Amino acid sequence: IEPGKLHVGTISDGRPYSFVDGDGKFAGFEIDYFND
């Protein structure tokens, strides 16, 4: 959609896959795995 960036959609309450932690940041298996 935007060259040089990956725009990704997910859910915020999908522990342990994808969720927003206490600091308001995305965390979880899928977040770490996709970043890799």
Full PDB file with SEQRES, HELIX, SHEET, SSBOND, CRYST1, ORIGX, SCALE, CONECT and MASTER records, all heavy atoms in Angstrom:
SEQRES   1 A   36  ILE GLU PRO GLY LYS LEU HIS VAL GLY THR ILE SER ASP          
SEQRES   2 A   36  GLY ARG PRO TYR SER PHE VAL ASP GLY ASP GLY LYS PHE          
SEQRES   3 A   36  ALA GLY PHE GLU ILE ASP TYR PHE ASN ASP                      
HELIX    1 AA1 PHE A   29  ASN A   35  1                                   7    
SHEET    1 AA1 2 ASP A  13  GLY A  14  0                                        
SHEET    2 AA1 2 SER A  18  VAL A  20 -1                                        
CRYST1    1.000    1.000    1.000  90.00  90.00  90.00 P 1           1          
ORIGX1      1.000000  0.000000  0.000000        0.00000                         
ORIGX2      0.000000  1.000000  0.000000        0.00000                         
ORIGX3      0.000000  0.000000  1.000000        0.00000                         
SCALE1      1.000000  0.000000  0.000000        0.00000                         
SCALE2      0.000000  1.000000  0.000000        0.00000                         
SCALE3      0.000000  0.000000  1.000000        0.00000                         
ATOM      1  N   ILE A   1       0.834  -1.197   0.000  1.00  0.00           N  
ATOM      2  CA  ILE A   1       0.000   0.000   0.000  1.00  0.00           C  
ATOM      3  C   ILE A   1       0.871   1.250   0.000  1.00  0.00           C  
ATOM      4  O   ILE A   1       0.614   2.202  -0.732  1.00  0.00           O  
ATOM      5  CB  ILE A   1      -0.919   0.010   1.242  1.00  0.00           C  
ATOM      6  CG1 ILE A   1      -1.855  -1.193   1.213  1.00  0.00           C  
ATOM      7  CG2 ILE A   1      -1.707   1.304   1.329  1.00  0.00           C  
ATOM      8  CD1 ILE A   1      -2.555  -1.443   2.525  1.00  0.00           C  
ATOM      9  N   GLU A   2       1.922   1.226   0.805  1.00  0.00           N  
ATOM     10  CA  GLU A   2       2.882   2.330   0.900  1.00  0.00           C  
ATOM     11  C   GLU A   2       4.280   1.748   0.753  1.00  0.00           C  
ATOM     12  O   GLU A   2       4.729   1.004   1.637  1.00  0.00           O  
ATOM     13  CB  GLU A   2       2.734   3.043   2.241  1.00  0.00           C  
ATOM     14  CG  GLU A   2       3.657   4.237   2.406  1.00  0.00           C  
ATOM     15  CD  GLU A   2       3.489   4.907   3.765  1.00  0.00           C  
ATOM     16  OE1 GLU A   2       2.673   4.433   4.584  1.00  0.00           O  
ATOM     17  OE2 GLU A   2       4.192   5.906   4.002  1.00  0.00           O  
ATOM     18  N   PRO A   3       4.967   2.037  -0.332  1.00  0.00           N  
ATOM     19  CA  PRO A   3       6.307   1.472  -0.532  1.00  0.00           C  
ATOM     20  C   PRO A   3       7.215   1.720   0.663  1.00  0.00           C  
ATOM     21  O   PRO A   3       7.236   2.820   1.224  1.00  0.00           O  
ATOM     22  CB  PRO A   3       6.818   2.221  -1.770  1.00  0.00           C  
ATOM     23  CG  PRO A   3       5.576   2.608  -2.508  1.00  0.00           C  
ATOM     24  CD  PRO A   3       4.556   2.913  -1.445  1.00  0.00           C  
ATOM     25  N   GLY A   4       7.918   0.674   1.089  1.00  0.00           N  
ATOM     26  CA  GLY A   4       8.836   0.813   2.203  1.00  0.00           C  
ATOM     27  C   GLY A   4       8.221   0.574   3.560  1.00  0.00           C  
ATOM     28  O   GLY A   4       8.912   0.632   4.584  1.00  0.00           O  
ATOM     29  N   LYS A   5       6.909   0.296   3.599  1.00  0.00           N  
ATOM     30  CA  LYS A   5       6.248   0.024   4.878  1.00  0.00           C  
ATOM     31  C   LYS A   5       5.285  -1.151   4.731  1.00  0.00           C  
ATOM     32  O   LYS A   5       4.694  -1.350   3.665  1.00  0.00           O  
ATOM     33  CB  LYS A   5       5.478   1.246   5.386  1.00  0.00           C  
ATOM     34  CG  LYS A   5       6.374   2.370   5.887  1.00  0.00           C  
ATOM     35  CD  LYS A   5       5.561   3.457   6.572  1.00  0.00           C  
ATOM     36  CE  LYS A   5       6.471   4.535   7.147  1.00  0.00           C  
ATOM     37  NZ  LYS A   5       5.701   5.608   7.835  1.00  0.00           N  
ATOM     38  N   LEU A   6       5.137  -1.898   5.820  1.00  0.00           N  
ATOM     39  CA  LEU A   6       4.170  -2.995   5.867  1.00  0.00           C  
ATOM     40  C   LEU A   6       3.040  -2.579   6.799  1.00  0.00           C  
ATOM     41  O   LEU A   6       3.248  -2.426   8.002  1.00  0.00           O  
ATOM     42  CB  LEU A   6       4.833  -4.277   6.382  1.00  0.00           C  
ATOM     43  CG  LEU A   6       5.710  -5.041   5.403  1.00  0.00           C  
ATOM     44  CD1 LEU A   6       6.570  -6.065   6.141  1.00  0.00           C  
ATOM     45  CD2 LEU A   6       4.854  -5.739   4.341  1.00  0.00           C  
ATOM     46  N   HIS A   7       1.867  -2.372   6.248  1.00  0.00           N  
ATOM     47  CA  HIS A   7       0.705  -2.023   7.054  1.00  0.00           C  
ATOM     48  C   HIS A   7      -0.011  -3.307   7.447  1.00  0.00           C  
ATOM     49  O   HIS A   7      -0.460  -4.075   6.597  1.00  0.00           O  
ATOM     50  CB  HIS A   7      -0.221  -1.087   6.282  1.00  0.00           C  
ATOM     51  CG  HIS A   7       0.315   0.303   6.165  1.00  0.00           C  
ATOM     52  ND1 HIS A   7       0.076   1.275   7.109  1.00  0.00           N  
ATOM     53  CD2 HIS A   7       1.117   0.874   5.215  1.00  0.00           C  
ATOM     54  CE1 HIS A   7       0.685   2.404   6.754  1.00  0.00           C  
ATOM     55  NE2 HIS A   7       1.334   2.183   5.607  1.00  0.00           N  
ATOM     56  N   VAL A   8      -0.103  -3.521   8.752  1.00  0.00           N  
ATOM     57  CA  VAL A   8      -0.575  -4.792   9.289  1.00  0.00           C  
ATOM     58  C   VAL A   8      -1.800  -4.576  10.172  1.00  0.00           C  
ATOM     59  O   VAL A   8      -1.848  -3.646  10.973  1.00  0.00           O  
ATOM     60  CB  VAL A   8       0.540  -5.459  10.130  1.00  0.00           C  
ATOM     61  CG1 VAL A   8       0.036  -6.723  10.805  1.00  0.00           C  
ATOM     62  CG2 VAL A   8       1.737  -5.774   9.242  1.00  0.00           C  
ATOM     63  N   GLY A   9      -2.787  -5.464  10.038  1.00  0.00           N  
ATOM     64  CA  GLY A   9      -3.965  -5.434  10.889  1.00  0.00           C  
ATOM     65  C   GLY A   9      -4.006  -6.652  11.792  1.00  0.00           C  
ATOM     66  O   GLY A   9      -3.647  -7.751  11.361  1.00  0.00           O  
ATOM     67  N   THR A  10      -4.430  -6.465  13.040  1.00  0.00           N  
ATOM     68  CA  THR A  10      -4.558  -7.586  13.971  1.00  0.00           C  
ATOM     69  C   THR A  10      -5.592  -7.212  15.030  1.00  0.00           C  
ATOM     70  O   THR A  10      -6.272  -6.186  14.911  1.00  0.00           O  
ATOM     71  CB  THR A  10      -3.205  -7.955  14.605  1.00  0.00           C  
ATOM     72  OG1 THR A  10      -3.352  -9.169  15.363  1.00  0.00           O  
ATOM     73  CG2 THR A  10      -2.692  -6.851  15.499  1.00  0.00           C  
ATOM     74  N   ILE A  11      -5.722  -8.039  16.071  1.00  0.00           N  
ATOM     75  CA  ILE A  11      -6.639  -7.727  17.166  1.00  0.00           C  
ATOM     76  C   ILE A  11      -5.835  -7.369  18.407  1.00  0.00           C  
ATOM     77  O   ILE A  11      -4.647  -7.680  18.495  1.00  0.00           O  
ATOM     78  CB  ILE A  11      -7.603  -8.895  17.453  1.00  0.00           C  
ATOM     79  CG1 ILE A  11      -6.832 -10.179  17.802  1.00  0.00           C  
ATOM     80  CG2 ILE A  11      -8.507  -9.130  16.260  1.00  0.00           C  
ATOM     81  CD1 ILE A  11      -7.718 -11.351  18.164  1.00  0.00           C  
ATOM     82  N   SER A  12      -6.502  -6.740  19.365  1.00  0.00           N  
ATOM     83  CA  SER A  12      -5.781  -6.237  20.536  1.00  0.00           C  
ATOM     84  C   SER A  12      -5.935  -7.114  21.771  1.00  0.00           C  
ATOM     85  O   SER A  12      -5.335  -6.826  22.804  1.00  0.00           O  
ATOM     86  CB  SER A  12      -6.260  -4.818  20.875  1.00  0.00           C  
ATOM     87  OG  SER A  12      -7.644  -4.832  21.188  1.00  0.00           O  
ATOM     88  N   ASP A  13      -6.740  -8.185  21.679  1.00  0.00           N  
ATOM     89  CA  ASP A  13      -6.988  -9.012  22.861  1.00  0.00           C  
ATOM     90  C   ASP A  13      -6.804 -10.494  22.575  1.00  0.00           C  
ATOM     91  O   ASP A  13      -7.474 -11.338  23.163  1.00  0.00           O  
ATOM     92  CB  ASP A  13      -8.391  -8.754  23.411  1.00  0.00           C  
ATOM     93  CG  ASP A  13      -9.500  -9.185  22.451  1.00  0.00           C  
ATOM     94  OD1 ASP A  13      -9.203  -9.381  21.253  1.00  0.00           O  
ATOM     95  OD2 ASP A  13     -10.649  -9.331  22.898  1.00  0.00           O  
ATOM     96  N   GLY A  14      -5.900 -10.803  21.659  1.00  0.00           N  
ATOM     97  CA  GLY A  14      -5.710 -12.192  21.240  1.00  0.00           C  
ATOM     98  C   GLY A  14      -4.533 -12.874  21.914  1.00  0.00           C  
ATOM     99  O   GLY A  14      -3.701 -13.496  21.232  1.00  0.00           O  
ATOM    100  N   ARG A  15      -4.416 -12.759  23.235  1.00  0.00           N  
ATOM    101  CA  ARG A  15      -3.324 -13.449  23.945  1.00  0.00           C  
ATOM    102  C   ARG A  15      -3.381 -14.944  23.651  1.00  0.00           C  
ATOM    103  O   ARG A  15      -4.453 -15.515  23.627  1.00  0.00           O  
ATOM    104  CB  ARG A  15      -3.444 -13.233  25.451  1.00  0.00           C  
ATOM    105  CG  ARG A  15      -3.196 -11.802  25.910  1.00  0.00           C  
ATOM    106  CD  ARG A  15      -3.453 -11.680  27.404  1.00  0.00           C  
ATOM    107  NE  ARG A  15      -3.259 -10.328  27.878  1.00  0.00           N  
ATOM    108  CZ  ARG A  15      -2.104  -9.846  28.366  1.00  0.00           C  
ATOM    109  NH1 ARG A  15      -1.063 -10.643  28.456  1.00  0.00           N  
ATOM    110  NH2 ARG A  15      -1.997  -8.604  28.767  1.00  0.00           N  
ATOM    111  N   PRO A  16      -2.221 -15.572  23.478  1.00  0.00           N  
ATOM    112  CA  PRO A  16      -0.854 -15.057  23.504  1.00  0.00           C  
ATOM    113  C   PRO A  16      -0.337 -14.681  22.106  1.00  0.00           C  
ATOM    114  O   PRO A  16       0.841 -14.479  21.925  1.00  0.00           O  
ATOM    115  CB  PRO A  16      -0.067 -16.251  24.041  1.00  0.00           C  
ATOM    116  CG  PRO A  16      -0.773 -17.421  23.420  1.00  0.00           C  
ATOM    117  CD  PRO A  16      -2.238 -17.050  23.392  1.00  0.00           C  
ATOM    118  N   TYR A  17      -1.236 -14.590  21.139  1.00  0.00           N  
ATOM    119  CA  TYR A  17      -0.814 -14.368  19.760  1.00  0.00           C  
ATOM    120  C   TYR A  17      -0.537 -12.902  19.457  1.00  0.00           C  
ATOM    121  O   TYR A  17       0.533 -12.538  18.984  1.00  0.00           O  
ATOM    122  CB  TYR A  17      -1.874 -14.908  18.800  1.00  0.00           C  
ATOM    123  CG  TYR A  17      -2.250 -16.338  19.047  1.00  0.00           C  
ATOM    124  CD1 TYR A  17      -3.528 -16.688  19.467  1.00  0.00           C  
ATOM    125  CD2 TYR A  17      -1.314 -17.354  18.888  1.00  0.00           C  
ATOM    126  CE1 TYR A  17      -3.868 -18.007  19.700  1.00  0.00           C  
ATOM    127  CE2 TYR A  17      -1.645 -18.676  19.116  1.00  0.00           C  
ATOM    128  CZ  TYR A  17      -2.930 -18.994  19.527  1.00  0.00           C  
ATOM    129  OH  TYR A  17      -3.259 -20.296  19.774  1.00  0.00           O  
ATOM    130  N   SER A  18      -1.543 -12.067  19.704  1.00  0.00           N  
ATOM    131  CA  SER A  18      -1.415 -10.638  19.426  1.00  0.00           C  
ATOM    132  C   SER A  18      -2.310  -9.874  20.397  1.00  0.00           C  
ATOM    133  O   SER A  18      -3.516 -10.113  20.450  1.00  0.00           O  
ATOM    134  CB  SER A  18      -1.827 -10.343  17.987  1.00  0.00           C  
ATOM    135  OG  SER A  18      -1.808  -8.951  17.745  1.00  0.00           O  
ATOM    136  N   PHE A  19      -1.702  -8.960  21.154  1.00  0.00           N  
ATOM    137  CA  PHE A  19      -2.472  -8.205  22.131  1.00  0.00           C  
ATOM    138  C   PHE A  19      -1.728  -6.923  22.478  1.00  0.00           C  
ATOM    139  O   PHE A  19      -0.546  -6.760  22.164  1.00  0.00           O  
ATOM    140  CB  PHE A  19      -2.715  -9.041  23.402  1.00  0.00           C  
ATOM    141  CG  PHE A  19      -1.442  -9.433  24.125  1.00  0.00           C  
ATOM    142  CD1 PHE A  19      -0.963  -8.678  25.185  1.00  0.00           C  
ATOM    143  CD2 PHE A  19      -0.727 -10.560  23.737  1.00  0.00           C  
ATOM    144  CE1 PHE A  19       0.206  -9.043  25.848  1.00  0.00           C  
ATOM    145  CE2 PHE A  19       0.449 -10.931  24.394  1.00  0.00           C  
ATOM    146  CZ  PHE A  19       0.912 -10.174  25.456  1.00  0.00           C  
ATOM    147  N   VAL A  20      -2.443  -6.016  23.121  1.00  0.00           N  
ATOM    148  CA  VAL A  20      -1.839  -4.770  23.600  1.00  0.00           C  
ATOM    149  C   VAL A  20      -1.515  -4.959  25.076  1.00  0.00           C  
ATOM    150  O   VAL A  20      -2.387  -5.295  25.880  1.00  0.00           O  
ATOM    151  CB  VAL A  20      -2.790  -3.574  23.402  1.00  0.00           C  
ATOM    152  CG1 VAL A  20      -2.206  -2.309  24.021  1.00  0.00           C  
ATOM    153  CG2 VAL A  20      -3.057  -3.360  21.912  1.00  0.00           C  
ATOM    154  N   ASP A  21      -0.245  -4.742  25.448  1.00  0.00           N  
ATOM    155  CA  ASP A  21       0.185  -4.989  26.823  1.00  0.00           C  
ATOM    156  C   ASP A  21      -0.098  -3.784  27.728  1.00  0.00           C  
ATOM    157  O   ASP A  21      -0.722  -2.799  27.308  1.00  0.00           O  
ATOM    158  CB  ASP A  21       1.670  -5.370  26.877  1.00  0.00           C  
ATOM    159  CG  ASP A  21       2.600  -4.261  26.396  1.00  0.00           C  
ATOM    160  OD1 ASP A  21       2.170  -3.084  26.329  1.00  0.00           O  
ATOM    161  OD2 ASP A  21       3.767  -4.565  26.092  1.00  0.00           O  
ATOM    162  N   GLY A  22       0.357  -3.859  28.962  1.00  0.00           N  
ATOM    163  CA  GLY A  22       0.097  -2.805  29.934  1.00  0.00           C  
ATOM    164  C   GLY A  22       0.711  -1.472  29.574  1.00  0.00           C  
ATOM    165  O   GLY A  22       0.280  -0.429  30.089  1.00  0.00           O  
ATOM    166  N   ASP A  23       1.710  -1.475  28.709  1.00  0.00           N  
ATOM    167  CA  ASP A  23       2.346  -0.235  28.270  1.00  0.00           C  
ATOM    168  C   ASP A  23       1.722   0.322  27.000  1.00  0.00           C  
ATOM    169  O   ASP A  23       2.219   1.299  26.434  1.00  0.00           O  
ATOM    170  CB  ASP A  23       3.846  -0.464  28.043  1.00  0.00           C  
ATOM    171  CG  ASP A  23       4.575  -0.834  29.326  1.00  0.00           C  
ATOM    172  OD1 ASP A  23       4.203  -0.292  30.383  1.00  0.00           O  
ATOM    173  OD2 ASP A  23       5.498  -1.674  29.264  1.00  0.00           O  
ATOM    174  N   GLY A  24       0.640  -0.336  26.544  1.00  0.00           N  
ATOM    175  CA  GLY A  24      -0.027   0.130  25.332  1.00  0.00           C  
ATOM    176  C   GLY A  24       0.675  -0.276  24.053  1.00  0.00           C  
ATOM    177  O   GLY A  24       0.401   0.289  22.984  1.00  0.00           O  
ATOM    178  N   LYS A  25       1.574  -1.266  24.147  1.00  0.00           N  
ATOM    179  CA  LYS A  25       2.317  -1.723  22.970  1.00  0.00           C  
ATOM    180  C   LYS A  25       1.835  -3.107  22.533  1.00  0.00           C  
ATOM    181  O   LYS A  25       1.400  -3.910  23.356  1.00  0.00           O  
ATOM    182  CB  LYS A  25       3.810  -1.777  23.272  1.00  0.00           C  
ATOM    183  CG  LYS A  25       4.419  -0.422  23.613  1.00  0.00           C  
ATOM    184  CD  LYS A  25       5.899  -0.549  23.919  1.00  0.00           C  
ATOM    185  CE  LYS A  25       6.517   0.800  24.258  1.00  0.00           C  
ATOM    186  NZ  LYS A  25       7.965   0.679  24.567  1.00  0.00           N  
ATOM    187  N   PHE A  26       1.940  -3.368  21.240  1.00  0.00           N  
ATOM    188  CA  PHE A  26       1.571  -4.686  20.740  1.00  0.00           C  
ATOM    189  C   PHE A  26       2.614  -5.722  21.153  1.00  0.00           C  
ATOM    190  O   PHE A  26       3.819  -5.459  21.127  1.00  0.00           O  
ATOM    191  CB  PHE A  26       1.449  -4.679  19.216  1.00  0.00           C  
ATOM    192  CG  PHE A  26       0.158  -4.093  18.711  1.00  0.00           C  
ATOM    193  CD1 PHE A  26       0.095  -2.776  18.301  1.00  0.00           C  
ATOM    194  CD2 PHE A  26      -0.998  -4.859  18.672  1.00  0.00           C  
ATOM    195  CE1 PHE A  26      -1.094  -2.230  17.841  1.00  0.00           C  
ATOM    196  CE2 PHE A  26      -2.196  -4.330  18.214  1.00  0.00           C  
ATOM    197  CZ  PHE A  26      -2.241  -3.014  17.802  1.00  0.00           C  
ATOM    198  N   ALA A  27       2.145  -6.877  21.567  1.00  0.00           N  
ATOM    199  CA  ALA A  27       3.032  -7.960  21.991  1.00  0.00           C  
ATOM    200  C   ALA A  27       2.388  -9.283  21.602  1.00  0.00           C  
ATOM    201  O   ALA A  27       1.241  -9.333  21.146  1.00  0.00           O  
ATOM    202  CB  ALA A  27       3.268  -7.901  23.498  1.00  0.00           C  
ATOM    203  N   GLY A  28       3.149 -10.366  21.761  1.00  0.00           N  
ATOM    204  CA  GLY A  28       2.606 -11.683  21.484  1.00  0.00           C  
ATOM    205  C   GLY A  28       3.431 -12.464  20.483  1.00  0.00           C  
ATOM    206  O   GLY A  28       4.346 -11.930  19.838  1.00  0.00           O  
ATOM    207  N   PHE A  29       3.113 -13.734  20.356  1.00  0.00           N  
ATOM    208  CA  PHE A  29       3.839 -14.612  19.442  1.00  0.00           C  
ATOM    209  C   PHE A  29       3.799 -14.096  18.010  1.00  0.00           C  
ATOM    210  O   PHE A  29       4.833 -14.009  17.334  1.00  0.00           O  
ATOM    211  CB  PHE A  29       3.248 -16.028  19.500  1.00  0.00           C  
ATOM    212  CG  PHE A  29       3.730 -16.927  18.394  1.00  0.00           C  
ATOM    213  CD1 PHE A  29       4.981 -17.517  18.467  1.00  0.00           C  
ATOM    214  CD2 PHE A  29       2.949 -17.167  17.273  1.00  0.00           C  
ATOM    215  CE1 PHE A  29       5.447 -18.330  17.432  1.00  0.00           C  
ATOM    216  CE2 PHE A  29       3.397 -17.972  16.242  1.00  0.00           C  
ATOM    217  CZ  PHE A  29       4.651 -18.562  16.321  1.00  0.00           C  
ATOM    218  N   GLU A  30       2.607 -13.765  17.532  1.00  0.00           N  
ATOM    219  CA  GLU A  30       2.486 -13.338  16.130  1.00  0.00           C  
ATOM    220  C   GLU A  30       3.190 -12.014  15.875  1.00  0.00           C  
ATOM    221  O   GLU A  30       3.745 -11.803  14.782  1.00  0.00           O  
ATOM    222  CB  GLU A  30       1.015 -13.244  15.732  1.00  0.00           C  
ATOM    223  CG  GLU A  30       0.360 -14.600  15.535  1.00  0.00           C  
ATOM    224  CD  GLU A  30      -1.094 -14.485  15.145  1.00  0.00           C  
ATOM    225  OE1 GLU A  30      -1.890 -13.912  15.925  1.00  0.00           O  
ATOM    226  OE2 GLU A  30      -1.446 -14.967  14.058  1.00  0.00           O  
ATOM    227  N   ILE A  31       3.166 -11.123  16.851  1.00  0.00           N  
ATOM    228  CA  ILE A  31       3.855  -9.836  16.695  1.00  0.00           C  
ATOM    229  C   ILE A  31       5.361 -10.065  16.553  1.00  0.00           C  
ATOM    230  O   ILE A  31       6.001  -9.558  15.621  1.00  0.00           O  
ATOM    231  CB  ILE A  31       3.574  -8.918  17.897  1.00  0.00           C  
ATOM    232  CG1 ILE A  31       2.088  -8.553  17.972  1.00  0.00           C  
ATOM    233  CG2 ILE A  31       4.441  -7.667  17.832  1.00  0.00           C  
ATOM    234  CD1 ILE A  31       1.595  -7.700  16.836  1.00  0.00           C  
ATOM    235  N   ASP A  32       5.934 -10.841  17.469  1.00  0.00           N  
ATOM    236  CA  ASP A  32       7.375 -11.115  17.415  1.00  0.00           C  
ATOM    237  C   ASP A  32       7.739 -11.907  16.163  1.00  0.00           C  
ATOM    238  O   ASP A  32       8.775 -11.639  15.527  1.00  0.00           O  
ATOM    239  CB  ASP A  32       7.816 -11.890  18.656  1.00  0.00           C  
ATOM    240  CG  ASP A  32       7.851 -11.024  19.906  1.00  0.00           C  
ATOM    241  OD1 ASP A  32       7.693  -9.788  19.780  1.00  0.00           O  
ATOM    242  OD2 ASP A  32       8.029 -11.580  21.003  1.00  0.00           O  
ATOM    243  N   TYR A  33       6.898 -12.855  15.831  1.00  0.00           N  
ATOM    244  CA  TYR A  33       7.197 -13.696  14.671  1.00  0.00           C  
ATOM    245  C   TYR A  33       7.125 -12.887  13.375  1.00  0.00           C  
ATOM    246  O   TYR A  33       8.007 -13.001  12.511  1.00  0.00           O  
ATOM    247  CB  TYR A  33       6.248 -14.886  14.612  1.00  0.00           C  
ATOM    248  CG  TYR A  33       6.627 -15.897  13.558  1.00  0.00           C  
ATOM    249  CD1 TYR A  33       7.913 -16.438  13.517  1.00  0.00           C  
ATOM    250  CD2 TYR A  33       5.718 -16.320  12.597  1.00  0.00           C  
ATOM    251  CE1 TYR A  33       8.277 -17.359  12.547  1.00  0.00           C  
ATOM    252  CE2 TYR A  33       6.072 -17.241  11.634  1.00  0.00           C  
ATOM    253  CZ  TYR A  33       7.349 -17.755  11.611  1.00  0.00           C  
ATOM    254  OH  TYR A  33       7.702 -18.668  10.646  1.00  0.00           O  
ATOM    255  N   PHE A  34       6.098 -12.052  13.242  1.00  0.00           N  
ATOM    256  CA  PHE A  34       5.991 -11.256  12.020  1.00  0.00           C  
ATOM    257  C   PHE A  34       7.132 -10.260  11.910  1.00  0.00           C  
ATOM    258  O   PHE A  34       7.632  -9.999  10.805  1.00  0.00           O  
ATOM    259  CB  PHE A  34       4.653 -10.523  11.946  1.00  0.00           C  
ATOM    260  CG  PHE A  34       4.429  -9.863  10.614  1.00  0.00           C  
ATOM    261  CD1 PHE A  34       4.005 -10.602   9.518  1.00  0.00           C  
ATOM    262  CD2 PHE A  34       4.692  -8.511  10.438  1.00  0.00           C  
ATOM    263  CE1 PHE A  34       3.830 -10.006   8.276  1.00  0.00           C  
ATOM    264  CE2 PHE A  34       4.530  -7.909   9.204  1.00  0.00           C  
ATOM    265  CZ  PHE A  34       4.090  -8.657   8.117  1.00  0.00           C  
ATOM    266  N   ASN A  35       7.569  -9.695  13.024  1.00  0.00           N  
ATOM    267  CA  ASN A  35       8.713  -8.775  12.978  1.00  0.00           C  
ATOM    268  C   ASN A  35       9.963  -9.486  12.468  1.00  0.00           C  
ATOM    269  O   ASN A  35      10.766  -8.900  11.734  1.00  0.00           O  
ATOM    270  CB  ASN A  35       8.969  -8.179  14.367  1.00  0.00           C  
ATOM    271  CG  ASN A  35       8.004  -7.059  14.706  1.00  0.00           C  
ATOM    272  OD1 ASN A  35       7.485  -6.386  13.817  1.00  0.00           O  
ATOM    273  ND2 ASN A  35       7.751  -6.856  15.987  1.00  0.00           N  
ATOM    274  N   ASP A  36      10.135 -10.761  12.864  1.00  0.00           N  
ATOM    275  CA  ASP A  36      11.271 -11.537  12.364  1.00  0.00           C  
ATOM    276  C   ASP A  36      11.143 -11.761  10.861  1.00  0.00           C  
ATOM    277  O   ASP A  36      12.125 -11.613  10.117  1.00  0.00           O  
ATOM    278  CB  ASP A  36      11.351 -12.883  13.084  1.00  0.00           C  
ATOM    279  CG  ASP A  36      12.451 -13.765  12.511  1.00  0.00           C  
ATOM    280  OD1 ASP A  36      13.639 -13.498  12.808  1.00  0.00           O  
ATOM    281  OD2 ASP A  36      12.133 -14.715  11.752  1.00  0.00           O  
TER     282      ASP A  36                                                      
MASTER        0    0    0    1    2    0    0    6  281    1    0    3          
END                                                                             
